[in-house]
Amino acid sequence: MSARPPAPEELVAAWGSLPAGSLALLTGGRGAGKSRWCSALASAAREAGLGVAGLLSPAVLAGGEKHSIDLLDLATGERRFVAERARPDLPGTEGLGWRFDLEALAAGNAALGRVGACDLLLVDELGPLELGRGSGFTAAFGLLDARRYGLAIVVVRPALVAALQVRRPGSASLWDLGGA
């Protein structure tokens, strides 16, 4: 059963009541604001003096349309291109809709590999690459298993929630932003 996520500021205000090693899956339709919500949470957590780590995948818009995706390392602030809309005739993009930069994916995995203990871990997102193809940000799985965080939030598309719950059984909260 899913619930609407708390406002980032409310979540940070309730930080002391969260059990260590908590996990929440954040889902919602395209354009629902999953990455924006995670970014707002990261900012609120930092302002409260919490240690924030992980990856965000903010959209890059052109003319109001999402045309590419960047990768933001929350520990270093480094931002780089990670994906662009794929032409349907390109091999390896079937069903994805995106062409991923392999060096950026490797950099994302390296960044996840450097994460130590932290208060807030954000992984935006685990999707078809990780859950269907065994590629992408696969270092996130070991990091989640280690539970060296106060709270981890993993962004996952609605159609892949069940696949992630099978891969990560346990008591993860499911937060849904709604949307298309």
C-alpha atoms as a PDB file:
ATOM      1  CA  MET A   1       0.000   0.000   0.000  1.00  0.00           C
ATOM      2  CA  SER A   2       1.350   3.408  -0.930  1.00  0.00           C
ATOM      3  CA  ALA A   3       1.027   6.795   0.692  1.00  0.00           C
ATOM      4  CA  ARG A   4       1.872  10.298  -0.398  1.00  0.00           C
ATOM      5  CA  PRO A   5       5.405  11.204   0.764  1.00  0.00           C
ATOM      6  CA  PRO A   6       5.757  13.771   3.511  1.00  0.00           C
ATOM      7  CA  ALA A   7       6.959  17.218   2.547  1.00  0.00           C
ATOM      8  CA  PRO A   8      10.779  17.243   2.635  1.00  0.00           C
ATOM      9  CA  GLU A   9      10.848  19.751   5.503  1.00  0.00           C
ATOM     10  CA  GLU A  10       8.413  17.609   7.542  1.00  0.00           C
ATOM     11  CA  LEU A  11      10.526  14.510   6.955  1.00  0.00           C
ATOM     12  CA  VAL A  12      13.676  16.286   8.134  1.00  0.00           C
ATOM     13  CA  ALA A  13      11.838  17.669  11.180  1.00  0.00           C
ATOM     14  CA  ALA A  14      10.850  14.090  12.134  1.00  0.00           C
ATOM     15  CA  TRP A  15      14.379  12.728  11.524  1.00  0.00           C
ATOM     16  CA  GLY A  16      15.031  11.649  15.112  1.00  0.00           C
ATOM     17  CA  SER A  17      11.987   9.362  15.087  1.00  0.00           C
ATOM     18  CA  LEU A  18      13.118   7.371  12.036  1.00  0.00           C
ATOM     19  CA  PRO A  19      14.670   3.957  12.694  1.00  0.00           C
ATOM     20  CA  ALA A  20      18.242   3.693  11.346  1.00  0.00           C
ATOM     21  CA  GLY A  21      18.441   1.769   8.090  1.00  0.00           C
ATOM     22  CA  SER A  22      14.943   2.788   6.949  1.00  0.00           C
ATOM     23  CA  LEU A  23      14.114   2.420   3.265  1.00  0.00           C
ATOM     24  CA  ALA A  24      11.454   4.193   1.225  1.00  0.00           C
ATOM     25  CA  LEU A  25      10.599   3.664  -2.424  1.00  0.00           C
ATOM     26  CA  LEU A  26       9.481   6.862  -4.154  1.00  0.00           C
ATOM     27  CA  THR A  27       7.347   6.378  -7.224  1.00  0.00           C
ATOM     28  CA  GLY A  28       5.096   8.402  -9.467  1.00  0.00           C
ATOM     29  CA  GLY A  29       4.287   8.918 -13.110  1.00  0.00           C
ATOM     30  CA  ARG A  30       6.448  10.750 -15.605  1.00  0.00           C
ATOM     31  CA  GLY A  31       6.755  14.383 -14.669  1.00  0.00           C
ATOM     32  CA  ALA A  32       5.320  13.839 -11.180  1.00  0.00           C
ATOM     33  CA  GLY A  33       8.336  15.519  -9.591  1.00  0.00           C
ATOM     34  CA  LYS A  34      10.292  12.583  -8.141  1.00  0.00           C
ATOM     35  CA  SER A  35      13.706  14.120  -8.822  1.00  0.00           C
ATOM     36  CA  ARG A  36      12.533  17.577  -7.710  1.00  0.00           C
ATOM     37  CA  TRP A  37      11.200  16.095  -4.448  1.00  0.00           C
ATOM     38  CA  CYS A  38      14.529  14.323  -3.856  1.00  0.00           C
ATOM     39  CA  SER A  39      16.437  17.526  -4.582  1.00  0.00           C
ATOM     40  CA  ALA A  40      14.270  19.467  -2.111  1.00  0.00           C
ATOM     41  CA  LEU A  41      14.836  16.750   0.506  1.00  0.00           C
ATOM     42  CA  ALA A  42      18.604  16.826  -0.042  1.00  0.00           C
ATOM     43  CA  SER A  43      18.610  20.610   0.433  1.00  0.00           C
ATOM     44  CA  ALA A  44      16.454  20.468   3.573  1.00  0.00           C
ATOM     45  CA  ALA A  45      18.598  17.671   5.026  1.00  0.00           C
ATOM     46  CA  ARG A  46      21.825  19.591   4.391  1.00  0.00           C
ATOM     47  CA  GLU A  47      20.360  22.735   5.952  1.00  0.00           C
ATOM     48  CA  ALA A  48      19.606  20.630   9.055  1.00  0.00           C
ATOM     49  CA  GLY A  49      23.224  19.428   9.176  1.00  0.00           C
ATOM     50  CA  LEU A  50      22.540  15.891   7.937  1.00  0.00           C
ATOM     51  CA  GLY A  51      25.030  13.992   5.780  1.00  0.00           C
ATOM     52  CA  VAL A  52      23.610  13.454   2.287  1.00  0.00           C
ATOM     53  CA  ALA A  53      24.968  11.044  -0.332  1.00  0.00           C
ATOM     54  CA  GLY A  54      23.856   9.305  -3.504  1.00  0.00           C
ATOM     55  CA  LEU A  55      22.759  10.262  -6.982  1.00  0.00           C
ATOM     56  CA  LEU A  56      20.077  12.434  -8.491  1.00  0.00           C
ATOM     57  CA  SER A  57      19.033  12.313 -12.146  1.00  0.00           C
ATOM     58  CA  PRO A  58      17.591  15.751 -12.898  1.00  0.00           C
ATOM     59  CA  ALA A  59      15.853  16.340 -16.197  1.00  0.00           C
ATOM     60  CA  VAL A  60      17.273  18.809 -18.684  1.00  0.00           C
ATOM     61  CA  LEU A  61      14.467  20.664 -20.413  1.00  0.00           C
ATOM     62  CA  ALA A  62      14.380  22.375 -23.778  1.00  0.00           C
ATOM     63  CA  GLY A  63      11.223  24.195 -24.784  1.00  0.00           C
ATOM     64  CA  GLY A  64       9.436  22.698 -21.789  1.00  0.00           C
ATOM     65  CA  GLU A  65      10.249  19.138 -22.904  1.00  0.00           C
ATOM     66  CA  LYS A  66      12.634  16.698 -21.238  1.00  0.00           C
ATOM     67  CA  HIS A  67      15.351  16.114 -23.817  1.00  0.00           C
ATOM     68  CA  SER A  68      18.143  14.705 -21.667  1.00  0.00           C
ATOM     69  CA  ILE A  69      19.050  13.637 -18.150  1.00  0.00           C
ATOM     70  CA  ASP A  70      22.002  14.710 -16.037  1.00  0.00           C
ATOM     71  CA  LEU A  71      23.645  12.843 -13.177  1.00  0.00           C
ATOM     72  CA  LEU A  72      24.349  14.699  -9.945  1.00  0.00           C
ATOM     73  CA  ASP A  73      26.707  13.214  -7.360  1.00  0.00           C
ATOM     74  CA  LEU A  74      25.300  14.488  -4.074  1.00  0.00           C
ATOM     75  CA  ALA A  75      28.595  14.033  -2.216  1.00  0.00           C
ATOM     76  CA  THR A  76      30.717  16.130  -4.581  1.00  0.00           C
ATOM     77  CA  GLY A  77      28.192  18.271  -6.445  1.00  0.00           C
ATOM     78  CA  GLU A  78      29.622  17.033  -9.746  1.00  0.00           C
ATOM     79  CA  ARG A  79      26.996  17.159 -12.488  1.00  0.00           C
ATOM     80  CA  ARG A  80      27.346  15.479 -15.874  1.00  0.00           C
ATOM     81  CA  PHE A  81      25.267  14.328 -18.819  1.00  0.00           C
ATOM     82  CA  VAL A  82      23.988  10.738 -18.485  1.00  0.00           C
ATOM     83  CA  ALA A  83      21.264  10.159 -21.114  1.00  0.00           C
ATOM     84  CA  GLU A  84      19.453  11.612 -24.080  1.00  0.00           C
ATOM     85  CA  ARG A  85      16.301  10.662 -25.933  1.00  0.00           C
ATOM     86  CA  ALA A  86      17.055   7.693 -28.148  1.00  0.00           C
ATOM     87  CA  ARG A  87      16.052   7.186 -31.709  1.00  0.00           C
ATOM     88  CA  PRO A  88      13.984   3.983 -31.886  1.00  0.00           C
ATOM     89  CA  ASP A  89      16.317   2.517 -34.529  1.00  0.00           C
ATOM     90  CA  LEU A  90      19.403   2.585 -32.281  1.00  0.00           C
ATOM     91  CA  PRO A  91      20.454  -0.841 -30.946  1.00  0.00           C
ATOM     92  CA  GLY A  92      20.407  -1.337 -27.197  1.00  0.00           C
ATOM     93  CA  THR A  93      17.716   1.269 -26.548  1.00  0.00           C
ATOM     94  CA  GLU A  94      14.669  -0.914 -27.205  1.00  0.00           C
ATOM     95  CA  GLY A  95      12.005  -0.219 -24.598  1.00  0.00           C
ATOM     96  CA  LEU A  96      14.123   2.384 -22.833  1.00  0.00           C
ATOM     97  CA  GLY A  97      13.497   5.539 -24.795  1.00  0.00           C
ATOM     98  CA  TRP A  98      16.957   6.780 -23.737  1.00  0.00           C
ATOM     99  CA  ARG A  99      20.549   6.365 -24.898  1.00  0.00           C
ATOM    100  CA  PHE A 100      22.829   6.195 -21.872  1.00  0.00           C
ATOM    101  CA  ASP A 101      26.413   7.377 -21.662  1.00  0.00           C
ATOM    102  CA  LEU A 102      28.388   4.380 -20.396  1.00  0.00           C
ATOM    103  CA  GLU A 103      31.138   6.536 -18.854  1.00  0.00           C
ATOM    104  CA  ALA A 104      28.541   8.486 -16.871  1.00  0.00           C
ATOM    105  CA  LEU A 105      26.942   5.246 -15.645  1.00  0.00           C
ATOM    106  CA  ALA A 106      30.390   4.033 -14.570  1.00  0.00           C
ATOM    107  CA  ALA A 107      31.003   7.356 -12.797  1.00  0.00           C
ATOM    108  CA  GLY A 108      27.670   6.945 -11.010  1.00  0.00           C
ATOM    109  CA  ASN A 109      28.610   3.469  -9.845  1.00  0.00           C
ATOM    110  CA  ALA A 110      32.005   4.749  -8.698  1.00  0.00           C
ATOM    111  CA  ALA A 111      30.297   7.537  -6.741  1.00  0.00           C
ATOM    112  CA  LEU A 112      27.986   5.001  -5.094  1.00  0.00           C
ATOM    113  CA  GLY A 113      31.015   2.848  -4.306  1.00  0.00           C
ATOM    114  CA  ARG A 114      32.562   5.749  -2.364  1.00  0.00           C
ATOM    115  CA  VAL A 115      29.503   6.279  -0.161  1.00  0.00           C
ATOM    116  CA  GLY A 116      30.183   5.484   3.473  1.00  0.00           C
ATOM    117  CA  ALA A 117      27.876   5.935   6.407  1.00  0.00           C
ATOM    118  CA  CYS A 118      25.418   8.776   5.844  1.00  0.00           C
ATOM    119  CA  ASP A 119      22.201  10.133   7.250  1.00  0.00           C
ATOM    120  CA  LEU A 120      20.355  10.294   3.928  1.00  0.00           C
ATOM    121  CA  LEU A 121      21.033   8.163   0.866  1.00  0.00           C
ATOM    122  CA  LEU A 122      19.210   9.064  -2.343  1.00  0.00           C
ATOM    123  CA  VAL A 123      19.243   6.846  -5.446  1.00  0.00           C
ATOM    124  CA  ASP A 124      17.446   8.405  -8.412  1.00  0.00           C
ATOM    125  CA  GLU A 125      16.653   6.008  -9.995  1.00  0.00           C
ATOM    126  CA  LEU A 126      16.663   2.231 -10.197  1.00  0.00           C
ATOM    127  CA  GLY A 127      14.866   1.451 -13.433  1.00  0.00           C
ATOM    128  CA  PRO A 128      14.837  -0.880 -16.422  1.00  0.00           C
ATOM    129  CA  LEU A 129      18.638  -0.898 -16.705  1.00  0.00           C
ATOM    130  CA  GLU A 130      19.181  -2.068 -13.134  1.00  0.00           C
ATOM    131  CA  LEU A 131      16.096  -4.242 -12.670  1.00  0.00           C
ATOM    132  CA  GLY A 132      15.765  -5.667 -16.181  1.00  0.00           C
ATOM    133  CA  ARG A 133      19.201  -5.626 -17.777  1.00  0.00           C
ATOM    134  CA  GLY A 134      21.640  -5.884 -14.870  1.00  0.00           C
ATOM    135  CA  SER A 135      23.376  -2.654 -15.847  1.00  0.00           C
ATOM    136  CA  GLY A 136      23.083   0.983 -14.832  1.00  0.00           C
ATOM    137  CA  PHE A 137      23.593   1.928 -11.182  1.00  0.00           C
ATOM    138  CA  THR A 138      24.014  -1.645  -9.922  1.00  0.00           C
ATOM    139  CA  ALA A 139      26.350  -0.534  -7.111  1.00  0.00           C
ATOM    140  CA  ALA A 140      23.216   0.761  -5.392  1.00  0.00           C
ATOM    141  CA  PHE A 141      22.119  -2.765  -4.494  1.00  0.00           C
ATOM    142  CA  GLY A 142      25.177  -3.474  -2.337  1.00  0.00           C
ATOM    143  CA  LEU A 143      24.930  -0.048  -0.766  1.00  0.00           C
ATOM    144  CA  LEU A 144      21.287  -0.638   0.138  1.00  0.00           C
ATOM    145  CA  ASP A 145      22.109  -4.094   1.519  1.00  0.00           C
ATOM    146  CA  ALA A 146      24.834  -2.608   3.758  1.00  0.00           C
ATOM    147  CA  ARG A 147      22.279  -0.279   5.433  1.00  0.00           C
ATOM    148  CA  ARG A 148      24.907   2.278   6.482  1.00  0.00           C
ATOM    149  CA  TYR A 149      22.355   5.066   6.296  1.00  0.00           C
ATOM    150  CA  GLY A 150      19.659   6.568   8.434  1.00  0.00           C
ATOM    151  CA  LEU A 151      17.158   6.699   5.579  1.00  0.00           C
ATOM    152  CA  ALA A 152      17.535   5.581   1.979  1.00  0.00           C
ATOM    153  CA  ILE A 153      15.092   6.733  -0.654  1.00  0.00           C
ATOM    154  CA  VAL A 154      15.099   4.952  -3.996  1.00  0.00           C
ATOM    155  CA  VAL A 155      13.212   6.357  -6.977  1.00  0.00           C
ATOM    156  CA  VAL A 156      11.484   3.654  -9.006  1.00  0.00           C
ATOM    157  CA  ARG A 157       8.896   3.782 -11.769  1.00  0.00           C
ATOM    158  CA  PRO A 158       5.411   2.506 -10.891  1.00  0.00           C
ATOM    159  CA  ALA A 159       5.719  -0.434 -13.309  1.00  0.00           C
ATOM    160  CA  LEU A 160       8.940  -1.580 -11.576  1.00  0.00           C
ATOM    161  CA  VAL A 161       7.939  -1.253  -7.912  1.00  0.00           C
ATOM    162  CA  ALA A 162       7.095  -4.967  -7.634  1.00  0.00           C
ATOM    163  CA  ALA A 163      10.411  -5.979  -9.248  1.00  0.00           C
ATOM    164  CA  LEU A 164      12.338  -3.862  -6.749  1.00  0.00           C
ATOM    165  CA  GLN A 165      10.298  -5.186  -3.835  1.00  0.00           C
ATOM    166  CA  VAL A 166      11.193  -8.750  -4.905  1.00  0.00           C
ATOM    167  CA  ARG A 167      14.855  -7.781  -5.160  1.00  0.00           C
ATOM    168  CA  ARG A 168      14.726  -5.878  -1.835  1.00  0.00           C
ATOM    169  CA  PRO A 169      12.252  -7.755   0.353  1.00  0.00           C
ATOM    170  CA  GLY A 170      11.476  -6.224   3.690  1.00  0.00           C
ATOM    171  CA  SER A 171       9.621  -3.367   5.179  1.00  0.00           C
ATOM    172  CA  ALA A 172      10.217  -0.541   2.722  1.00  0.00           C
ATOM    173  CA  SER A 173       7.728   2.300   2.760  1.00  0.00           C
ATOM    174  CA  LEU A 174       6.117   3.040  -0.594  1.00  0.00           C
ATOM    175  CA  TRP A 175       5.546   6.714  -1.333  1.00  0.00           C
ATOM    176  CA  ASP A 176       3.636   7.723  -4.472  1.00  0.00           C
ATOM    177  CA  LEU A 177       3.693  11.238  -5.942  1.00  0.00           C
ATOM    178  CA  GLY A 178       0.949  10.291  -8.405  1.00  0.00           C
ATOM    179  CA  GLY A 179       1.074  11.853 -11.858  1.00  0.00           C
ATOM    180  CA  ALA A 180       0.637  10.499 -15.346  1.00  0.00           C
END
